[in-house]
Every structure is written in C-alpha cells, then in structure tokens.
Amino acid sequence: MNSESGQSQTVLHATAGARLAEVAAVAAARIPLSGLRSATRGRKPVALARQTAMYLSHVAFGLSLTRVGICFGRDRTTVRHACALIEDRRDDPGLELGLTALEAALLATMAKLRGQPAEVGR
C-alpha cells in the first residue's frame, strides 16, 4: 500500500468515525440527523447533539480537532469549544454514564467494522 492510499484510508476511517458519532448523538438526543448537518447552529438540543458528536469523534476515535472540524464543516476552534463544553458537563453522573456508554458502543462498532475484536473495559 503506498502512502497516498494509506492516507486516503485514514481519511475514510476518520470520516466513518465522525459519521458513527453523529448518528449515535442524534439517536441519543432523539433529533433528526438533518438538523445536525445544518450550516447554522440550530436550537439548543441540536447544538448540544452536534457538540457531543464532535467530542466523541475526538475522544473515542482520536481524531484531531482539525479533522473533526473538516468532518462536521466547522472550524477547529469550534470543535475545541465543543469538546471543552462537553468535558465540563461530565461532572453530571447521568451525562457521564451516557457518554461512557456511547463511547463504548462506538468503539465496539468501529472494531466490528474493521474486523477486529472489541476492546472491553477500555
């Protein structure tokens, strides 16, 4: 595999991870996916779901802030702000439990898609 092919594979995996996080966040928030992909901020539940998806993309899949921004059509500083907001909210035990469950589900799904055994208790 040449470096150009490897790079496109990396971008493909990053995009797939961001899309998985996006779907998980809208499912958890019970909002339509179309709202998340809007160019505008949207109402508070939509913005929070988008911030959660960006956070999960960064934390669960290790995507750079720049890569997450590209995947979501936002600036890296917007992604940094979203990650900081979600991280600050993790003090809430209910939100912490939900984020932990979403992160574990995303990692297991991605491992399954890659044909790898899922890591339990990561």
PDB file of N, CA and C in Angstrom:
ATOM      1  N   MET A   1       0.852  -1.174   0.000  1.00  0.00           N
ATOM      2  CA  MET A   1       0.000   0.000   0.000  1.00  0.00           C
ATOM      3  C   MET A   1       0.897   1.234   0.000  1.00  0.00           C
ATOM      4  N   ASN A   2       0.679   2.128  -0.945  1.00  0.00           N
ATOM      5  CA  ASN A   2       1.504   3.330  -0.992  1.00  0.00           C
ATOM      6  C   ASN A   2       0.987   4.371  -0.001  1.00  0.00           C
ATOM      7  N   SER A   3       1.759   5.425   0.228  1.00  0.00           N
ATOM      8  CA  SER A   3       1.393   6.416   1.249  1.00  0.00           C
ATOM      9  C   SER A   3       0.122   7.173   0.889  1.00  0.00           C
ATOM     10  N   GLU A   4      -0.108   7.408  -0.408  1.00  0.00           N
ATOM     11  CA  GLU A   4      -1.322   8.107  -0.818  1.00  0.00           C
ATOM     12  C   GLU A   4      -2.552   7.251  -0.524  1.00  0.00           C
ATOM     13  N   SER A   5      -2.461   5.969  -0.772  1.00  0.00           N
ATOM     14  CA  SER A   5      -3.548   5.041  -0.497  1.00  0.00           C
ATOM     15  C   SER A   5      -3.780   4.932   1.014  1.00  0.00           C
ATOM     16  N   GLY A   6      -2.698   4.886   1.784  1.00  0.00           N
ATOM     17  CA  GLY A   6      -2.806   4.833   3.240  1.00  0.00           C
ATOM     18  C   GLY A   6      -3.436   6.081   3.815  1.00  0.00           C
ATOM     19  N   GLN A   7      -3.087   7.228   3.228  1.00  0.00           N
ATOM     20  CA  GLN A   7      -3.655   8.490   3.694  1.00  0.00           C
ATOM     21  C   GLN A   7      -5.147   8.553   3.393  1.00  0.00           C
ATOM     22  N   SER A   8      -5.554   8.110   2.219  1.00  0.00           N
ATOM     23  CA  SER A   8      -6.978   8.140   1.889  1.00  0.00           C
ATOM     24  C   SER A   8      -7.740   7.160   2.769  1.00  0.00           C
ATOM     25  N   GLN A   9      -7.117   6.048   3.142  1.00  0.00           N
ATOM     26  CA  GLN A   9      -7.742   5.082   4.052  1.00  0.00           C
ATOM     27  C   GLN A   9      -7.928   5.706   5.434  1.00  0.00           C
ATOM     28  N   THR A  10      -6.945   6.463   5.890  1.00  0.00           N
ATOM     29  CA  THR A  10      -7.029   7.149   7.176  1.00  0.00           C
ATOM     30  C   THR A  10      -8.159   8.172   7.169  1.00  0.00           C
ATOM     31  N   VAL A  11      -8.263   8.929   6.100  1.00  0.00           N
ATOM     32  CA  VAL A  11      -9.337   9.922   5.971  1.00  0.00           C
ATOM     33  C   VAL A  11     -10.689   9.222   5.953  1.00  0.00           C
ATOM     34  N   LEU A  12     -10.776   8.094   5.265  1.00  0.00           N
ATOM     35  CA  LEU A  12     -12.018   7.327   5.205  1.00  0.00           C
ATOM     36  C   LEU A  12     -12.422   6.838   6.591  1.00  0.00           C
ATOM     37  N   HIS A  13     -11.473   6.312   7.359  1.00  0.00           N
ATOM     38  CA  HIS A  13     -11.768   5.859   8.717  1.00  0.00           C
ATOM     39  C   HIS A  13     -12.175   7.024   9.615  1.00  0.00           C
ATOM     40  N   ALA A  14     -11.525   8.152   9.460  1.00  0.00           N
ATOM     41  CA  ALA A  14     -11.879   9.333  10.259  1.00  0.00           C
ATOM     42  C   ALA A  14     -13.302   9.778   9.954  1.00  0.00           C
ATOM     43  N   THR A  15     -13.629   9.817   8.679  1.00  0.00           N
ATOM     44  CA  THR A  15     -14.972  10.221   8.278  1.00  0.00           C
ATOM     45  C   THR A  15     -16.004   9.218   8.776  1.00  0.00           C
ATOM     46  N   ALA A  16     -15.695   7.944   8.675  1.00  0.00           N
ATOM     47  CA  ALA A  16     -16.616   6.912   9.160  1.00  0.00           C
ATOM     48  C   ALA A  16     -16.837   7.056  10.663  1.00  0.00           C
ATOM     49  N   GLY A  17     -15.768   7.310  11.400  1.00  0.00           N
ATOM     50  CA  GLY A  17     -15.893   7.501  12.843  1.00  0.00           C
ATOM     51  C   GLY A  17     -16.753   8.705  13.181  1.00  0.00           C
ATOM     52  N   ALA A  18     -16.537   9.789  12.469  1.00  0.00           N
ATOM     53  CA  ALA A  18     -17.336  11.001  12.713  1.00  0.00           C
ATOM     54  C   ALA A  18     -18.798  10.752  12.397  1.00  0.00           C
ATOM     55  N   ARG A  19     -19.083  10.016  11.329  1.00  0.00           N
ATOM     56  CA  ARG A  19     -20.473   9.717  10.963  1.00  0.00           C
ATOM     57  C   ARG A  19     -21.127   8.807  11.996  1.00  0.00           C
ATOM     58  N   LEU A  20     -20.366   7.838  12.512  1.00  0.00           N
ATOM     59  CA  LEU A  20     -20.897   6.980  13.571  1.00  0.00           C
ATOM     60  C   LEU A  20     -21.229   7.796  14.825  1.00  0.00           C
ATOM     61  N   ALA A  21     -20.325   8.685  15.191  1.00  0.00           N
ATOM     62  CA  ALA A  21     -20.553   9.540  16.365  1.00  0.00           C
ATOM     63  C   ALA A  21     -21.774  10.430  16.146  1.00  0.00           C
ATOM     64  N   GLU A  22     -21.915  10.922  14.943  1.00  0.00           N
ATOM     65  CA  GLU A  22     -23.045  11.784  14.584  1.00  0.00           C
ATOM     66  C   GLU A  22     -24.367  11.029  14.744  1.00  0.00           C
ATOM     67  N   VAL A  23     -24.435   9.823  14.215  1.00  0.00           N
ATOM     68  CA  VAL A  23     -25.659   9.020  14.297  1.00  0.00           C
ATOM     69  C   VAL A  23     -25.963   8.653  15.754  1.00  0.00           C
ATOM     70  N   ALA A  24     -24.941   8.309  16.509  1.00  0.00           N
ATOM     71  CA  ALA A  24     -25.139   7.967  17.920  1.00  0.00           C
ATOM     72  C   ALA A  24     -25.667   9.168  18.708  1.00  0.00           C
ATOM     73  N   ALA A  25     -25.112  10.334  18.445  1.00  0.00           N
ATOM     74  CA  ALA A  25     -25.532  11.541  19.171  1.00  0.00           C
ATOM     75  C   ALA A  25     -26.971  11.921  18.847  1.00  0.00           C
ATOM     76  N   VAL A  26     -27.377  11.838  17.587  1.00  0.00           N
ATOM     77  CA  VAL A  26     -28.758  12.198  17.242  1.00  0.00           C
ATOM     78  C   VAL A  26     -29.736  11.158  17.777  1.00  0.00           C
ATOM     79  N   ALA A  27     -29.332   9.889  17.792  1.00  0.00           N
ATOM     80  CA  ALA A  27     -30.195   8.853  18.350  1.00  0.00           C
ATOM     81  C   ALA A  27     -30.397   9.067  19.845  1.00  0.00           C
ATOM     82  N   ALA A  28     -29.308   9.390  20.546  1.00  0.00           N
ATOM     83  CA  ALA A  28     -29.398   9.626  21.991  1.00  0.00           C
ATOM     84  C   ALA A  28     -30.229  10.870  22.303  1.00  0.00           C
ATOM     85  N   ALA A  29     -30.095  11.892  21.472  1.00  0.00           N
ATOM     86  CA  ALA A  29     -30.822  13.149  21.697  1.00  0.00           C
ATOM     87  C   ALA A  29     -32.226  13.121  21.104  1.00  0.00           C
ATOM     88  N   ARG A  30     -32.500  12.111  20.287  1.00  0.00           N
ATOM     89  CA  ARG A  30     -33.808  11.974  19.625  1.00  0.00           C
ATOM     90  C   ARG A  30     -34.148  13.189  18.771  1.00  0.00           C
ATOM     91  N   ILE A  31     -33.197  13.558  17.935  1.00  0.00           N
ATOM     92  CA  ILE A  31     -33.408  14.659  16.998  1.00  0.00           C
ATOM     93  C   ILE A  31     -33.092  14.162  15.591  1.00  0.00           C
ATOM     94  N   PRO A  32     -33.610  14.838  14.563  1.00  0.00           N
ATOM     95  CA  PRO A  32     -33.314  14.397  13.195  1.00  0.00           C
ATOM     96  C   PRO A  32     -31.872  14.704  12.796  1.00  0.00           C
ATOM     97  N   LEU A  33     -31.305  13.817  12.016  1.00  0.00           N
ATOM     98  CA  LEU A  33     -29.933  13.982  11.543  1.00  0.00           C
ATOM     99  C   LEU A  33     -29.777  15.248  10.710  1.00  0.00           C
ATOM    100  N   SER A  34     -30.810  15.624   9.985  1.00  0.00           N
ATOM    101  CA  SER A  34     -30.729  16.816   9.129  1.00  0.00           C
ATOM    102  C   SER A  34     -30.419  18.080   9.938  1.00  0.00           C
ATOM    103  N   GLY A  35     -30.912  18.161  11.148  1.00  0.00           N
ATOM    104  CA  GLY A  35     -30.639  19.328  11.989  1.00  0.00           C
ATOM    105  C   GLY A  35     -29.175  19.444  12.350  1.00  0.00           C
ATOM    106  N   LEU A  36     -28.534  18.298  12.546  1.00  0.00           N
ATOM    107  CA  LEU A  36     -27.129  18.289  12.937  1.00  0.00           C
ATOM    108  C   LEU A  36     -26.226  18.767  11.811  1.00  0.00           C
ATOM    109  N   ARG A  37     -26.620  18.500  10.591  1.00  0.00           N
ATOM    110  CA  ARG A  37     -25.793  18.845   9.437  1.00  0.00           C
ATOM    111  C   ARG A  37     -26.080  20.233   8.894  1.00  0.00           C
ATOM    112  N   SER A  38     -26.934  20.972   9.554  1.00  0.00           N
ATOM    113  CA  SER A  38     -27.262  22.320   9.116  1.00  0.00           C
ATOM    114  C   SER A  38     -26.035  23.230   9.234  1.00  0.00           C
ATOM    115  N   ALA A  39     -25.969  24.215   8.351  1.00  0.00           N
ATOM    116  CA  ALA A  39     -24.861  25.173   8.392  1.00  0.00           C
ATOM    117  C   ALA A  39     -24.999  26.133   9.566  1.00  0.00           C
ATOM    118  N   THR A  40     -26.224  26.287  10.073  1.00  0.00           N
ATOM    119  CA  THR A  40     -26.452  27.171  11.213  1.00  0.00           C
ATOM    120  C   THR A  40     -26.339  26.383  12.515  1.00  0.00           C
ATOM    121  N   ARG A  41     -26.264  27.094  13.607  1.00  0.00           N
ATOM    122  CA  ARG A  41     -26.096  26.487  14.921  1.00  0.00           C
ATOM    123  C   ARG A  41     -27.291  25.632  15.299  1.00  0.00           C
ATOM    124  N   GLY A  42     -28.480  26.131  15.057  1.00  0.00           N
ATOM    125  CA  GLY A  42     -29.692  25.404  15.418  1.00  0.00           C
ATOM    126  C   GLY A  42     -30.089  25.645  16.861  1.00  0.00           C
ATOM    127  N   ARG A  43     -31.186  25.055  17.239  1.00  0.00           N
ATOM    128  CA  ARG A  43     -31.670  25.170  18.622  1.00  0.00           C
ATOM    129  C   ARG A  43     -30.729  24.436  19.572  1.00  0.00           C
ATOM    130  N   LYS A  44     -30.914  24.700  20.860  1.00  0.00           N
ATOM    131  CA  LYS A  44     -30.014  24.155  21.876  1.00  0.00           C
ATOM    132  C   LYS A  44     -29.854  22.631  21.806  1.00  0.00           C
ATOM    133  N   PRO A  45     -30.929  21.836  21.668  1.00  0.00           N
ATOM    134  CA  PRO A  45     -30.728  20.380  21.596  1.00  0.00           C
ATOM    135  C   PRO A  45     -29.913  19.948  20.381  1.00  0.00           C
ATOM    136  N   VAL A  46     -30.081  20.638  19.276  1.00  0.00           N
ATOM    137  CA  VAL A  46     -29.332  20.323  18.059  1.00  0.00           C
ATOM    138  C   VAL A  46     -27.853  20.672  18.260  1.00  0.00           C
ATOM    139  N   ALA A  47     -27.595  21.854  18.795  1.00  0.00           N
ATOM    140  CA  ALA A  47     -26.214  22.278  19.036  1.00  0.00           C
ATOM    141  C   ALA A  47     -25.523  21.334  20.024  1.00  0.00           C
ATOM    142  N   LEU A  48     -26.237  20.920  21.065  1.00  0.00           N
ATOM    143  CA  LEU A  48     -25.660  20.013  22.058  1.00  0.00           C
ATOM    144  C   LEU A  48     -25.363  18.644  21.446  1.00  0.00           C
ATOM    145  N   ALA A  49     -26.254  18.158  20.608  1.00  0.00           N
ATOM    146  CA  ALA A  49     -26.011  16.873  19.940  1.00  0.00           C
ATOM    147  C   ALA A  49     -24.796  16.968  19.018  1.00  0.00           C
ATOM    148  N   ARG A  50     -24.665  18.068  18.294  1.00  0.00           N
ATOM    149  CA  ARG A  50     -23.513  18.264  17.415  1.00  0.00           C
ATOM    150  C   ARG A  50     -22.227  18.336  18.237  1.00  0.00           C
ATOM    151  N   GLN A  51     -22.266  19.064  19.339  1.00  0.00           N
ATOM    152  CA  GLN A  51     -21.094  19.168  20.205  1.00  0.00           C
ATOM    153  C   GLN A  51     -20.713  17.797  20.768  1.00  0.00           C
ATOM    154  N   THR A  52     -21.721  17.017  21.125  1.00  0.00           N
ATOM    155  CA  THR A  52     -21.477  15.667  21.641  1.00  0.00           C
ATOM    156  C   THR A  52     -20.838  14.793  20.570  1.00  0.00           C
ATOM    157  N   ALA A  53     -21.342  14.876  19.350  1.00  0.00           N
ATOM    158  CA  ALA A  53     -20.787  14.088  18.251  1.00  0.00           C
ATOM    159  C   ALA A  53     -19.346  14.493  17.965  1.00  0.00           C
ATOM    160  N   MET A  54     -19.066  15.776  17.993  1.00  0.00           N
ATOM    161  CA  MET A  54     -17.698  16.242  17.764  1.00  0.00           C
ATOM    162  C   MET A  54     -16.785  15.758  18.884  1.00  0.00           C
ATOM    163  N   TYR A  55     -17.260  15.859  20.120  1.00  0.00           N
ATOM    164  CA  TYR A  55     -16.497  15.392  21.277  1.00  0.00           C
ATOM    165  C   TYR A  55     -16.176  13.901  21.153  1.00  0.00           C
ATOM    166  N   LEU A  56     -17.191  13.098  20.838  1.00  0.00           N
ATOM    167  CA  LEU A  56     -16.995  11.658  20.710  1.00  0.00           C
ATOM    168  C   LEU A  56     -16.033  11.323  19.566  1.00  0.00           C
ATOM    169  N   SER A  57     -16.115  12.058  18.482  1.00  0.00           N
ATOM    170  CA  SER A  57     -15.195  11.839  17.363  1.00  0.00           C
ATOM    171  C   SER A  57     -13.754  12.077  17.798  1.00  0.00           C
ATOM    172  N   HIS A  58     -13.563  13.115  18.581  1.00  0.00           N
ATOM    173  CA  HIS A  58     -12.222  13.462  19.050  1.00  0.00           C
ATOM    174  C   HIS A  58     -11.733  12.481  20.113  1.00  0.00           C
ATOM    175  N   VAL A  59     -12.570  12.198  21.111  1.00  0.00           N
ATOM    176  CA  VAL A  59     -12.144  11.385  22.245  1.00  0.00           C
ATOM    177  C   VAL A  59     -12.132   9.890  21.915  1.00  0.00           C
ATOM    178  N   ALA A  60     -13.222   9.384  21.370  1.00  0.00           N
ATOM    179  CA  ALA A  60     -13.320   7.942  21.121  1.00  0.00           C
ATOM    180  C   ALA A  60     -12.399   7.493  19.994  1.00  0.00           C
ATOM    181  N   PHE A  61     -12.335   8.273  18.923  1.00  0.00           N
ATOM    182  CA  PHE A  61     -11.565   7.855  17.755  1.00  0.00           C
ATOM    183  C   PHE A  61     -10.225   8.558  17.618  1.00  0.00           C
ATOM    184  N   GLY A  62      -9.946   9.502  18.504  1.00  0.00           N
ATOM    185  CA  GLY A  62      -8.648  10.165  18.495  1.00  0.00           C
ATOM    186  C   GLY A  62      -8.418  11.072  17.291  1.00  0.00           C
ATOM    187  N   LEU A  63      -9.496  11.545  16.685  1.00  0.00           N
ATOM    188  CA  LEU A  63      -9.345  12.443  15.545  1.00  0.00           C
ATOM    189  C   LEU A  63      -8.861  13.803  16.025  1.00  0.00           C
ATOM    190  N   SER A  64      -8.020  14.431  15.242  1.00  0.00           N
ATOM    191  CA  SER A  64      -7.542  15.766  15.600  1.00  0.00           C
ATOM    192  C   SER A  64      -8.708  16.751  15.534  1.00  0.00           C
ATOM    193  N   LEU A  65      -8.552  17.860  16.211  1.00  0.00           N
ATOM    194  CA  LEU A  65      -9.594  18.893  16.182  1.00  0.00           C
ATOM    195  C   LEU A  65      -9.810  19.382  14.752  1.00  0.00           C
ATOM    196  N   THR A  66      -8.741  19.490  14.006  1.00  0.00           N
ATOM    197  CA  THR A  66      -8.840  19.924  12.609  1.00  0.00           C
ATOM    198  C   THR A  66      -9.633  18.909  11.791  1.00  0.00           C
ATOM    199  N   ARG A  67      -9.329  17.622  11.952  1.00  0.00           N
ATOM    200  CA  ARG A  67     -10.036  16.577  11.196  1.00  0.00           C
ATOM    201  C   ARG A  67     -11.514  16.539  11.579  1.00  0.00           C
ATOM    202  N   VAL A  68     -11.820  16.666  12.874  1.00  0.00           N
ATOM    203  CA  VAL A  68     -13.220  16.691  13.306  1.00  0.00           C
ATOM    204  C   VAL A  68     -13.929  17.890  12.679  1.00  0.00           C
ATOM    205  N   GLY A  69     -13.259  19.034  12.682  1.00  0.00           N
ATOM    206  CA  GLY A  69     -13.836  20.228  12.069  1.00  0.00           C
ATOM    207  C   GLY A  69     -14.152  20.021  10.604  1.00  0.00           C
ATOM    208  N   ILE A  70     -13.253  19.375   9.887  1.00  0.00           N
ATOM    209  CA  ILE A  70     -13.481  19.088   8.473  1.00  0.00           C
ATOM    210  C   ILE A  70     -14.700  18.174   8.312  1.00  0.00           C
ATOM    211  N   CYS A  71     -14.778  17.143   9.139  1.00  0.00           N
ATOM    212  CA  CYS A  71     -15.885  16.185   9.047  1.00  0.00           C
ATOM    213  C   CYS A  71     -17.239  16.822   9.348  1.00  0.00           C
ATOM    214  N   PHE A  72     -17.251  17.825  10.209  1.00  0.00           N
ATOM    215  CA  PHE A  72     -18.502  18.453  10.604  1.00  0.00           C
ATOM    216  C   PHE A  72     -18.730  19.813   9.944  1.00  0.00           C
ATOM    217  N   GLY A  73     -17.827  20.221   9.083  1.00  0.00           N
ATOM    218  CA  GLY A  73     -17.992  21.505   8.412  1.00  0.00           C
ATOM    219  C   GLY A  73     -17.863  22.688   9.351  1.00  0.00           C
ATOM    220  N   ARG A  74     -17.004  22.539  10.354  1.00  0.00           N
ATOM    221  CA  ARG A  74     -16.780  23.586  11.344  1.00  0.00           C
ATOM    222  C   ARG A  74     -15.294  23.861  11.466  1.00  0.00           C
ATOM    223  N   ASP A  75     -14.962  24.950  12.118  1.00  0.00           N
ATOM    224  CA  ASP A  75     -13.577  25.326  12.374  1.00  0.00           C
ATOM    225  C   ASP A  75     -13.042  24.523  13.562  1.00  0.00           C
ATOM    226  N   ARG A  76     -11.728  24.295  13.591  1.00  0.00           N
ATOM    227  CA  ARG A  76     -11.143  23.530  14.702  1.00  0.00           C
ATOM    228  C   ARG A  76     -11.362  24.212  16.046  1.00  0.00           C
ATOM    229  N   THR A  77     -11.452  25.543  16.059  1.00  0.00           N
ATOM    230  CA  THR A  77     -11.693  26.242  17.323  1.00  0.00           C
ATOM    231  C   THR A  77     -13.120  25.998  17.814  1.00  0.00           C
ATOM    232  N   THR A  78     -14.040  25.803  16.903  1.00  0.00           N
ATOM    233  CA  THR A  78     -15.413  25.448  17.273  1.00  0.00           C
ATOM    234  C   THR A  78     -15.422  24.054  17.889  1.00  0.00           C
ATOM    235  N   VAL A  79     -14.642  23.151  17.326  1.00  0.00           N
ATOM    236  CA  VAL A  79     -14.538  21.798  17.861  1.00  0.00           C
ATOM    237  C   VAL A  79     -13.906  21.840  19.252  1.00  0.00           C
ATOM    238  N   ARG A  80     -12.869  22.631  19.416  1.00  0.00           N
ATOM    239  CA  ARG A  80     -12.222  22.761  20.732  1.00  0.00           C
ATOM    240  C   ARG A  80     -13.215  23.268  21.770  1.00  0.00           C
ATOM    241  N   HIS A  81     -14.017  24.257  21.395  1.00  0.00           N
ATOM    242  CA  HIS A  81     -15.046  24.802  22.290  1.00  0.00           C
ATOM    243  C   HIS A  81     -16.070  23.723  22.633  1.00  0.00           C
ATOM    244  N   ALA A  82     -16.512  22.961  21.636  1.00  0.00           N
ATOM    245  CA  ALA A  82     -17.489  21.888  21.866  1.00  0.00           C
ATOM    246  C   ALA A  82     -16.921  20.843  22.828  1.00  0.00           C
ATOM    247  N   CYS A  83     -15.683  20.443  22.615  1.00  0.00           N
ATOM    248  CA  CYS A  83     -15.054  19.449  23.480  1.00  0.00           C
ATOM    249  C   CYS A  83     -14.932  19.951  24.921  1.00  0.00           C
ATOM    250  N   ALA A  84     -14.575  21.209  25.067  1.00  0.00           N
ATOM    251  CA  ALA A  84     -14.459  21.791  26.414  1.00  0.00           C
ATOM    252  C   ALA A  84     -15.825  21.827  27.106  1.00  0.00           C
ATOM    253  N   LEU A  85     -16.866  22.193  26.370  1.00  0.00           N
ATOM    254  CA  LEU A  85     -18.211  22.231  26.952  1.00  0.00           C
ATOM    255  C   LEU A  85     -18.667  20.850  27.412  1.00  0.00           C
ATOM    256  N   ILE A  86     -18.481  19.862  26.572  1.00  0.00           N
ATOM    257  CA  ILE A  86     -18.911  18.504  26.925  1.00  0.00           C
ATOM    258  C   ILE A  86     -18.071  17.967  28.070  1.00  0.00           C
ATOM    259  N   GLU A  87     -16.781  18.201  28.039  1.00  0.00           N
ATOM    260  CA  GLU A  87     -15.904  17.745  29.121  1.00  0.00           C
ATOM    261  C   GLU A  87     -16.337  18.356  30.458  1.00  0.00           C
ATOM    262  N   ASP A  88     -16.683  19.627  30.459  1.00  0.00           N
ATOM    263  CA  ASP A  88     -17.146  20.288  31.688  1.00  0.00           C
ATOM    264  C   ASP A  88     -18.449  19.695  32.199  1.00  0.00           C
ATOM    265  N   ARG A  89     -19.268  19.201  31.306  1.00  0.00           N
ATOM    266  CA  ARG A  89     -20.568  18.643  31.695  1.00  0.00           C
ATOM    267  C   ARG A  89     -20.460  17.213  32.208  1.00  0.00           C
ATOM    268  N   ARG A  90     -19.306  16.599  32.088  1.00  0.00           N
ATOM    269  CA  ARG A  90     -19.140  15.206  32.520  1.00  0.00           C
ATOM    270  C   ARG A  90     -19.221  15.052  34.033  1.00  0.00           C
ATOM    271  N   ASP A  91     -19.284  16.150  34.771  1.00  0.00           N
ATOM    272  CA  ASP A  91     -19.458  16.073  36.218  1.00  0.00           C
ATOM    273  C   ASP A  91     -20.847  15.549  36.585  1.00  0.00           C
ATOM    274  N   ASP A  92     -21.803  15.691  35.679  1.00  0.00           N
ATOM    275  CA  ASP A  92     -23.154  15.180  35.881  1.00  0.00           C
ATOM    276  C   ASP A  92     -23.112  13.652  35.716  1.00  0.00           C
ATOM    277  N   PRO A  93     -23.450  12.892  36.772  1.00  0.00           N
ATOM    278  CA  PRO A  93     -23.347  11.428  36.697  1.00  0.00           C
ATOM    279  C   PRO A  93     -24.184  10.812  35.561  1.00  0.00           C
ATOM    280  N   GLY A  94     -25.351  11.355  35.303  1.00  0.00           N
ATOM    281  CA  GLY A  94     -26.188  10.835  34.225  1.00  0.00           C
ATOM    282  C   GLY A  94     -25.553  11.034  32.866  1.00  0.00           C
ATOM    283  N   LEU A  95     -25.018  12.226  32.644  1.00  0.00           N
ATOM    284  CA  LEU A  95     -24.349  12.515  31.372  1.00  0.00           C
ATOM    285  C   LEU A  95     -23.073  11.683  31.238  1.00  0.00           C
ATOM    286  N   GLU A  96     -22.359  11.537  32.320  1.00  0.00           N
ATOM    287  CA  GLU A  96     -21.127  10.733  32.312  1.00  0.00           C
ATOM    288  C   GLU A  96     -21.445   9.291  31.896  1.00  0.00           C
ATOM    289  N   LEU A  97     -22.493   8.730  32.471  1.00  0.00           N
ATOM    290  CA  LEU A  97     -22.892   7.368  32.146  1.00  0.00           C
ATOM    291  C   LEU A  97     -23.284   7.260  30.671  1.00  0.00           C
ATOM    292  N   GLY A  98     -24.044   8.218  30.188  1.00  0.00           N
ATOM    293  CA  GLY A  98     -24.461   8.214  28.788  1.00  0.00           C
ATOM    294  C   GLY A  98     -23.290   8.337  27.826  1.00  0.00           C
ATOM    295  N   LEU A  99     -22.375   9.241  28.117  1.00  0.00           N
ATOM    296  CA  LEU A  99     -21.203   9.426  27.253  1.00  0.00           C
ATOM    297  C   LEU A  99     -20.301   8.197  27.263  1.00  0.00           C
ATOM    298  N   THR A 100     -20.139   7.604  28.431  1.00  0.00           N
ATOM    299  CA  THR A 100     -19.317   6.397  28.535  1.00  0.00           C
ATOM    300  C   THR A 100     -19.932   5.263  27.724  1.00  0.00           C
ATOM    301  N   ALA A 101     -21.255   5.126  27.806  1.00  0.00           N
ATOM    302  CA  ALA A 101     -21.946   4.081  27.040  1.00  0.00           C
ATOM    303  C   ALA A 101     -21.840   4.339  25.536  1.00  0.00           C
ATOM    304  N   LEU A 102     -22.027   5.584  25.127  1.00  0.00           N
ATOM    305  CA  LEU A 102     -21.908   5.926  23.706  1.00  0.00           C
ATOM    306  C   LEU A 102     -20.494   5.656  23.198  1.00  0.00           C
ATOM    307  N   GLU A 103     -19.514   6.057  23.981  1.00  0.00           N
ATOM    308  CA  GLU A 103     -18.120   5.855  23.573  1.00  0.00           C
ATOM    309  C   GLU A 103     -17.804   4.364  23.427  1.00  0.00           C
ATOM    310  N   ALA A 104     -18.250   3.550  24.392  1.00  0.00           N
ATOM    311  CA  ALA A 104     -18.007   2.110  24.323  1.00  0.00           C
ATOM    312  C   ALA A 104     -18.706   1.496  23.112  1.00  0.00           C
ATOM    313  N   ALA A 105     -19.931   1.915  22.854  1.00  0.00           N
ATOM    314  CA  ALA A 105     -20.672   1.394  21.701  1.00  0.00           C
ATOM    315  C   ALA A 105     -20.001   1.788  20.389  1.00  0.00           C
ATOM    316  N   LEU A 106     -19.515   3.016  20.309  1.00  0.00           N
ATOM    317  CA  LEU A 106     -18.838   3.468  19.098  1.00  0.00           C
ATOM    318  C   LEU A 106     -17.549   2.685  18.853  1.00  0.00           C
ATOM    319  N   LEU A 107     -16.780   2.482  19.894  1.00  0.00           N
ATOM    320  CA  LEU A 107     -15.525   1.734  19.755  1.00  0.00           C
ATOM    321  C   LEU A 107     -15.792   0.288  19.349  1.00  0.00           C
ATOM    322  N   ALA A 108     -16.813  -0.329  19.945  1.00  0.00           N
ATOM    323  CA  ALA A 108     -17.157  -1.707  19.595  1.00  0.00           C
ATOM    324  C   ALA A 108     -17.638  -1.797  18.153  1.00  0.00           C
ATOM    325  N   THR A 109     -18.435  -0.831  17.731  1.00  0.00           N
ATOM    326  CA  THR A 109     -18.944  -0.819  16.358  1.00  0.00           C
ATOM    327  C   THR A 109     -17.812  -0.641  15.363  1.00  0.00           C
ATOM    328  N   MET A 110     -16.919   0.284  15.634  1.00  0.00           N
ATOM    329  CA  MET A 110     -15.803   0.522  14.727  1.00  0.00           C
ATOM    330  C   MET A 110     -14.893  -0.706  14.663  1.00  0.00           C
ATOM    331  N   ALA A 111     -14.645  -1.352  15.798  1.00  0.00           N
ATOM    332  CA  ALA A 111     -13.818  -2.558  15.809  1.00  0.00           C
ATOM    333  C   ALA A 111     -14.481  -3.653  14.983  1.00  0.00           C
ATOM    334  N   LYS A 112     -15.773  -3.773  15.114  1.00  0.00           N
ATOM    335  CA  LYS A 112     -16.520  -4.785  14.348  1.00  0.00           C
ATOM    336  C   LYS A 112     -16.425  -4.492  12.852  1.00  0.00           C
ATOM    337  N   LEU A 113     -16.561  -3.229  12.480  1.00  0.00           N
ATOM    338  CA  LEU A 113     -16.467  -2.850  11.069  1.00  0.00           C
ATOM    339  C   LEU A 113     -15.079  -3.130  10.499  1.00  0.00           C
ATOM    340  N   ARG A 114     -14.080  -3.003  11.330  1.00  0.00           N
ATOM    341  CA  ARG A 114     -12.694  -3.253  10.890  1.00  0.00           C
ATOM    342  C   ARG A 114     -12.321  -4.729  10.998  1.00  0.00           C
ATOM    343  N   GLY A 115     -13.238  -5.543  11.520  1.00  0.00           N
ATOM    344  CA  GLY A 115     -12.961  -6.964  11.657  1.00  0.00           C
ATOM    345  C   GLY A 115     -12.043  -7.293  12.805  1.00  0.00           C
ATOM    346  N   GLN A 116     -12.006  -6.427  13.813  1.00  0.00           N
ATOM    347  CA  GLN A 116     -11.149  -6.616  14.970  1.00  0.00           C
ATOM    348  C   GLN A 116     -12.012  -6.953  16.175  1.00  0.00           C
ATOM    349  N   PRO A 117     -11.452  -7.676  17.155  1.00  0.00           N
ATOM    350  CA  PRO A 117     -12.214  -7.916  18.384  1.00  0.00           C
ATOM    351  C   PRO A 117     -12.376  -6.613  19.156  1.00  0.00           C
ATOM    352  N   ALA A 118     -13.552  -6.398  19.733  1.00  0.00           N
ATOM    353  CA  ALA A 118     -13.814  -5.184  20.504  1.00  0.00           C
ATOM    354  C   ALA A 118     -13.041  -5.233  21.809  1.00  0.00           C
ATOM    355  N   GLU A 119     -12.503  -4.074  22.214  1.00  0.00           N
ATOM    356  CA  GLU A 119     -11.805  -3.974  23.489  1.00  0.00           C
ATOM    357  C   GLU A 119     -12.828  -3.722  24.570  1.00  0.00           C
ATOM    358  N   VAL A 120     -12.883  -4.610  25.549  1.00  0.00           N
ATOM    359  CA  VAL A 120     -13.829  -4.453  26.655  1.00  0.00           C
ATOM    360  C   VAL A 120     -13.123  -3.773  27.805  1.00  0.00           C
ATOM    361  N   GLY A 121     -13.812  -2.819  28.448  1.00  0.00           N
ATOM    362  CA  GLY A 121     -13.254  -2.143  29.605  1.00  0.00           C
ATOM    363  C   GLY A 121     -12.098  -1.232  29.291  1.00  0.00           C
ATOM    364  N   ARG A 122     -12.115  -0.644  28.131  1.00  0.00           N
ATOM    365  CA  ARG A 122     -11.050   0.250  27.692  1.00  0.00           C
ATOM    366  C   ARG A 122     -10.852   1.356  28.622  1.00  0.00           C
TER     367      ARG A 122
END
